[in-house]
Protein backbone atom coordinates (compact mmCIF):
# COMPACT_ATOMS: atom_id res chain seq x y z
CA MET A 1 28.70 43.38 19.64
CA ASP A 2 31.40 46.02 19.27
CA PRO A 3 34.92 45.20 20.59
CA LYS A 4 35.44 48.99 21.17
CA LYS A 5 32.76 49.25 23.48
CA GLU A 6 33.81 46.13 25.21
CA LEU A 7 37.20 47.49 25.79
CA ARG A 8 35.95 50.54 27.17
CA GLY A 9 33.32 48.69 29.00
CA SER A 10 32.50 48.39 32.58
CA GLU A 11 33.51 44.70 33.93
CA ASP A 12 37.13 43.83 33.35
CA PRO A 13 37.12 40.03 32.32
CA ARG A 14 40.24 39.73 34.34
CA GLN A 15 38.14 39.90 37.56
CA ASN A 16 37.66 36.27 37.73
CA ASP A 17 37.75 33.36 40.04
CA SER A 18 41.41 32.93 39.80
CA ASP A 19 43.41 32.72 43.26
CA GLY A 20 46.22 34.40 41.26
CA PRO A 21 49.65 33.20 41.15
CA GLN A 22 50.02 30.06 43.27
CA ASP A 23 53.28 29.53 45.38
CA CYS A 24 53.45 25.69 44.69
CA GLY A 25 56.09 25.22 47.24
CA LEU A 26 58.38 28.07 46.12
CA SER A 27 61.02 29.53 48.15
CA GLU A 28 60.28 33.06 49.66
CA GLU A 29 62.54 34.28 46.83
CA GLY A 30 60.83 32.58 44.37
CA GLN A 31 57.21 33.69 45.61
CA ALA A 32 58.58 37.26 45.70
CA ARG A 33 59.62 36.83 41.92
CA VAL A 34 56.15 35.59 41.19
CA THR A 35 54.59 38.33 42.97
CA ASP A 36 56.66 40.96 41.17
CA LEU A 37 55.64 39.41 37.73
CA ALA A 38 52.01 39.38 38.71
CA GLN A 39 52.31 43.22 39.52
CA ARG A 40 54.02 43.78 36.15
CA CYS A 41 51.36 41.99 34.41
CA ALA A 42 48.82 44.17 36.29
CA ASP A 43 50.70 47.23 35.21
CA LEU A 44 50.86 46.11 31.49
CA CYS A 45 46.99 45.32 31.50
CA GLY A 46 46.41 48.76 32.99
CA ARG A 47 48.39 50.54 30.38
CA ALA A 48 46.77 48.59 27.66
CA ASP A 49 43.32 49.52 29.09
CA ARG A 50 44.05 53.15 28.96
CA LEU A 51 45.43 52.77 25.38
CA CYS A 52 42.13 51.31 24.60
CA ARG A 53 40.22 54.17 26.16
CA GLU A 54 42.22 56.70 24.02
CA GLY A 55 41.55 54.75 20.88
CA ALA A 56 45.16 53.56 20.41
CA HIS A 57 43.69 49.82 20.01
CA GLU A 58 46.78 48.51 18.05
CA GLN A 59 49.31 49.70 20.73
CA ALA A 60 46.96 48.13 23.22
CA ALA A 61 47.02 44.64 21.39
CA ASP A 62 50.68 44.82 21.51
CA THR A 63 50.90 45.81 25.39
CA TYR A 64 48.28 42.85 26.09
CA GLY A 65 50.61 40.68 24.18
CA GLN A 66 53.55 41.75 26.56
CA ALA A 67 51.14 40.93 29.54
CA VAL A 68 50.55 37.44 28.10
CA VAL A 69 54.22 36.76 28.23
CA VAL A 70 54.54 37.88 31.78
CA ALA A 71 51.34 36.18 33.01
CA GLN A 72 52.76 32.94 31.52
CA GLU A 73 55.69 33.18 33.92
CA THR A 74 53.33 33.40 36.84
CA GLY A 75 51.49 30.15 36.18
CA ASP A 76 48.03 31.87 36.34
CA ALA A 77 46.30 30.36 33.62
CA LEU A 78 43.02 32.41 33.95
CA THR A 79 45.08 35.71 33.74
CA VAL A 80 46.76 34.24 30.45
CA GLY A 81 43.45 33.56 29.07
CA ASP A 82 41.97 36.61 29.65
CA CYS A 83 45.02 38.66 28.47
CA LEU A 84 44.78 36.71 25.29
CA VAL A 85 41.09 37.52 24.84
CA ARG A 86 41.66 41.24 25.55
CA GLN A 87 44.54 41.27 23.06
CA GLY A 88 42.18 39.74 20.45
CA LEU A 89 39.45 42.31 21.20
CA ALA A 90 42.25 45.04 20.77
CA PHE A 91 43.04 43.71 17.24
CA MET A 92 39.46 43.56 16.37
CA ALA A 93 38.86 47.15 17.60
CA ALA A 94 41.88 48.06 15.49
CA GLY A 95 40.25 46.74 12.43
CA LYS A 96 42.71 43.63 12.38
CA ASP A 97 40.20 40.96 12.50
CA ALA A 98 42.63 38.35 11.05
CA ASP A 99 45.36 39.20 13.67
CA ALA A 100 42.45 38.68 16.46
CA VAL A 101 41.68 35.00 15.68
CA GLU A 102 45.00 33.57 16.96
CA PRO A 103 44.91 35.24 20.41
CA LEU A 104 41.09 34.55 20.68
CA LYS A 105 41.76 30.90 19.83
CA ARG A 106 44.56 30.63 22.37
CA GLY A 107 42.57 32.33 24.87
CA VAL A 108 39.54 30.01 24.77
CA ALA A 109 41.96 27.14 24.69
CA VAL A 110 43.68 28.19 27.93
CA LEU A 111 40.36 29.03 29.64
CA GLU A 112 38.79 25.81 28.95
CA GLU A 113 41.83 23.70 29.63
CA HIS A 114 41.95 25.49 33.11
CA SER A 115 38.38 25.66 34.23
CA GLY A 116 36.13 23.80 31.45
CA ALA A 117 33.01 25.22 30.10
CA ARG A 118 32.46 27.26 33.06
CA ALA A 119 35.63 29.28 33.01
CA PRO A 120 34.87 32.98 33.62
CA GLY A 121 34.30 34.91 30.38
CA LEU A 122 34.54 31.89 28.21
CA ARG A 123 31.15 32.33 26.76
CA PHE A 124 32.15 35.86 25.68
CA ALA A 125 35.35 34.89 24.36
CA TRP A 126 33.64 32.52 21.94
CA ASP A 127 31.19 34.76 20.90
CA MET A 128 33.76 37.33 19.82
CA LEU A 129 35.84 34.53 18.18
CA THR A 130 32.69 33.76 16.07
CA THR A 131 32.51 37.44 15.08
CA ALA A 132 36.15 37.56 14.15
CA HIS A 133 35.75 34.52 11.96
CA LEU A 134 32.77 35.94 10.11
CA ARG A 135 34.53 39.17 9.61
CA CYS A 136 37.20 37.09 7.82
CA ARG A 137 34.56 35.31 5.80
CA ASP A 138 35.66 31.96 7.26
CA LEU A 139 32.26 30.43 7.63
CA ASP A 140 33.44 26.98 8.58
CA GLU A 141 35.43 28.35 11.49
CA ALA A 142 32.66 30.63 12.25
CA GLN A 143 30.10 27.84 12.59
CA SER A 144 32.52 25.84 14.70
CA ALA A 145 32.92 28.69 17.21
CA ALA A 146 29.17 29.31 17.12
CA ALA A 147 28.65 25.66 18.01
CA ARG A 148 30.88 25.75 20.95
CA LEU A 149 29.43 28.96 22.08
CA LEU A 150 26.12 27.11 22.12
CA ALA A 151 27.60 24.08 24.02
CA VAL A 152 29.22 26.49 26.72
CA ALA A 153 25.83 28.35 27.23
CA ARG A 154 24.06 24.91 27.69
CA ALA A 155 26.93 23.93 30.28
CA ASN A 156 26.48 26.97 32.22
CA ASN A 157 22.74 27.79 32.12
CA GLY A 158 20.96 24.92 30.61
CA GLU A 159 18.55 25.47 27.71
CA THR A 160 17.33 28.69 29.13
CA PHE A 161 16.49 32.29 28.20
CA PRO A 162 18.54 34.52 27.58
CA LEU A 163 22.05 33.01 27.18
CA PHE A 164 21.07 29.66 25.56
CA THR A 165 18.57 31.37 23.17
CA ASP A 166 21.15 34.02 22.39
CA ALA A 167 23.61 31.34 21.39
CA LEU A 168 20.95 29.68 19.21
CA ARG A 169 20.25 32.95 17.33
CA ARG A 170 24.06 33.23 16.86
CA LEU A 171 24.36 30.06 15.40
CA ALA A 172 21.26 30.31 13.30
CA PHE A 173 22.99 33.48 11.82
CA VAL A 174 25.99 31.74 10.84
CA VAL A 175 24.24 28.70 9.39
CA ALA A 176 21.92 31.30 7.33
CA CYS A 177 25.08 32.92 5.90
CA ARG A 178 26.19 29.63 4.70
CA GLY A 179 22.83 29.35 2.87
CA ASP A 180 21.22 26.52 4.92
CA PHE A 181 17.93 28.42 5.90
CA ASP A 182 16.23 25.34 6.88
CA GLU A 183 18.82 24.47 9.64
CA ALA A 184 18.73 28.26 10.53
CA GLN A 185 14.83 28.22 10.70
CA ALA A 186 14.97 25.12 13.05
CA LEU A 187 17.47 26.83 15.36
CA ILE A 188 15.12 29.99 15.71
CA ALA A 189 12.00 27.92 16.30
CA GLN A 190 13.82 26.27 19.01
CA ALA A 191 14.97 29.68 20.49
CA THR A 192 11.27 31.01 19.90
CA GLU A 193 9.76 28.02 21.89
CA ILE A 194 12.00 28.74 24.80
CA VAL A 195 11.49 32.37 24.95
CA GLY A 196 7.87 31.96 24.56
CA GLU A 197 7.86 29.63 27.63
CA SER A 198 9.91 31.89 29.56
CA CYS A 199 8.67 35.32 28.81
CA GLY A 200 5.31 34.68 27.20
CA GLN A 201 4.32 35.33 23.43
CA ASP A 202 3.32 39.04 23.87
CA GLU A 203 6.60 40.37 24.90
CA GLU A 204 9.55 42.11 23.06
CA PRO A 205 11.88 39.09 23.09
CA TYR A 206 9.37 37.01 21.22
CA ALA A 207 8.35 39.57 18.82
CA ALA A 208 12.10 39.85 18.04
CA LEU A 209 12.52 36.21 17.26
CA LEU A 210 9.34 36.46 15.06
CA GLY A 211 11.08 39.02 12.98
CA GLU A 212 14.07 37.04 12.71
CA ALA A 213 12.10 33.86 11.68
CA ALA A 214 10.22 35.82 9.13
CA THR A 215 13.40 37.11 7.66
CA LEU A 216 14.63 33.52 6.97
CA HIS A 217 11.28 32.67 5.77
CA ILE A 218 11.40 35.38 2.96
CA ALA A 219 13.55 32.98 1.13
CA SER A 220 10.55 30.89 0.50
CA GLY A 221 8.52 34.03 -0.61
CA ALA A 222 7.00 36.90 0.95
CA ALA A 223 3.66 35.32 1.65
CA ALA A 224 5.56 32.67 3.91
CA ALA A 225 6.78 35.58 6.14
CA GLU A 226 3.82 37.81 6.32
CA PRO A 227 2.03 36.14 9.24
CA LEU A 228 5.03 36.21 11.45
CA LEU A 229 5.71 39.88 10.44
CA THR A 230 2.13 40.74 11.28
CA ARG A 231 2.35 39.00 14.61
CA MET A 232 5.57 40.84 15.42
CA HIS A 233 4.11 44.28 14.50
CA GLY A 234 1.10 43.73 16.62
CA ILE A 235 3.19 42.92 19.69
CA LEU A 236 5.71 45.72 19.26
CA ASP A 237 2.91 48.24 18.47
CA ARG A 238 0.90 47.25 21.60
CA LEU A 239 4.20 47.53 23.53
CA GLY A 240 4.97 50.99 21.94
CA LEU A 241 8.10 49.78 20.60
CA ALA A 242 7.41 49.63 16.66
CA ASP A 243 9.73 52.58 16.18
CA HIS A 244 12.48 51.60 18.40
CA PRO A 245 15.98 51.57 16.76
CA ASP A 246 16.40 47.85 17.92
CA HIS A 247 13.36 46.84 15.60
CA GLN A 248 14.03 49.27 12.86
CA ALA A 249 15.13 46.31 10.37
CA PRO A 250 12.41 43.86 10.96
CA MET A 251 9.68 46.72 10.85
CA LYS A 252 11.15 47.81 7.46
CA CYS A 253 10.92 44.12 6.46
CA PHE A 254 7.35 44.16 7.52
CA GLU A 255 6.48 47.19 5.55
CA TRP A 256 8.39 45.77 2.29
CA VAL A 257 6.25 42.44 2.61
CA ARG A 258 3.17 43.93 3.19
CA GLY A 259 3.64 46.38 0.31
CA LEU A 260 4.80 43.59 -1.95
CA LEU A 261 1.87 41.54 -1.05
CA GLU A 262 -0.69 44.53 -1.41
CA SER A 263 0.79 45.24 -4.93
CA GLY A 264 0.27 41.70 -6.03
CA VAL A 265 -3.25 41.73 -4.56
CA ARG A 266 -3.92 44.91 -6.75
CA GLU A 267 -2.28 43.53 -9.88
CA SER A 268 -4.42 40.33 -9.61
CA ALA A 269 -7.39 42.31 -9.14
């Protein structure tokens, strides 16, 4: 997921279920001050959004940071959490992944404390925190974030396609990066079973998972991956998607494995 696209993207994560700043028995003067702070926060976020669209991501991150400070004064926890996440995204878009980790961590902590696993935007925030840790090559933290992403997906949608299966794939990728291919294969197998039940075994999502499973099986030798890749190729070819850019990597893997096996057959003959 590209943070630059997300920052230019359609839905603003600040559009959430928050009721905004609460009066909490404030005087008329106090409530007016909170309302003024909320407007200042909105203005800062709007300015940061424009900076992102212009490609000035580092400036945008600083501006989101200012918005966080103002939002904290309003007592609107969801806005604080969302602004922190946006600040982290801006740092990532600026290529400063190490700087993104802290605001993203703070953001998910605030969101979860306020609304638990069902906080608006929380699944997305955990996903981006996983990405930031991966880019920083901190695999322990990446696995921890990916596991939390899986828990949040389960809490919100149950063990269903596509959110839970996407989270399984995410965790499988992190685990594979750590060299635990058996655990990664088990996670992909779980996702494949759910997708097969939800979408059928002749559709694109199932074929994509076959490709991912095959990639993991290559560690056991080309012969272990070939049946999965052949099945994937058959599904994508039937659907007219064999040349689609989204499937370029697994299709190249299929061609490589097939060529390797054919070469082995010719050599043995």
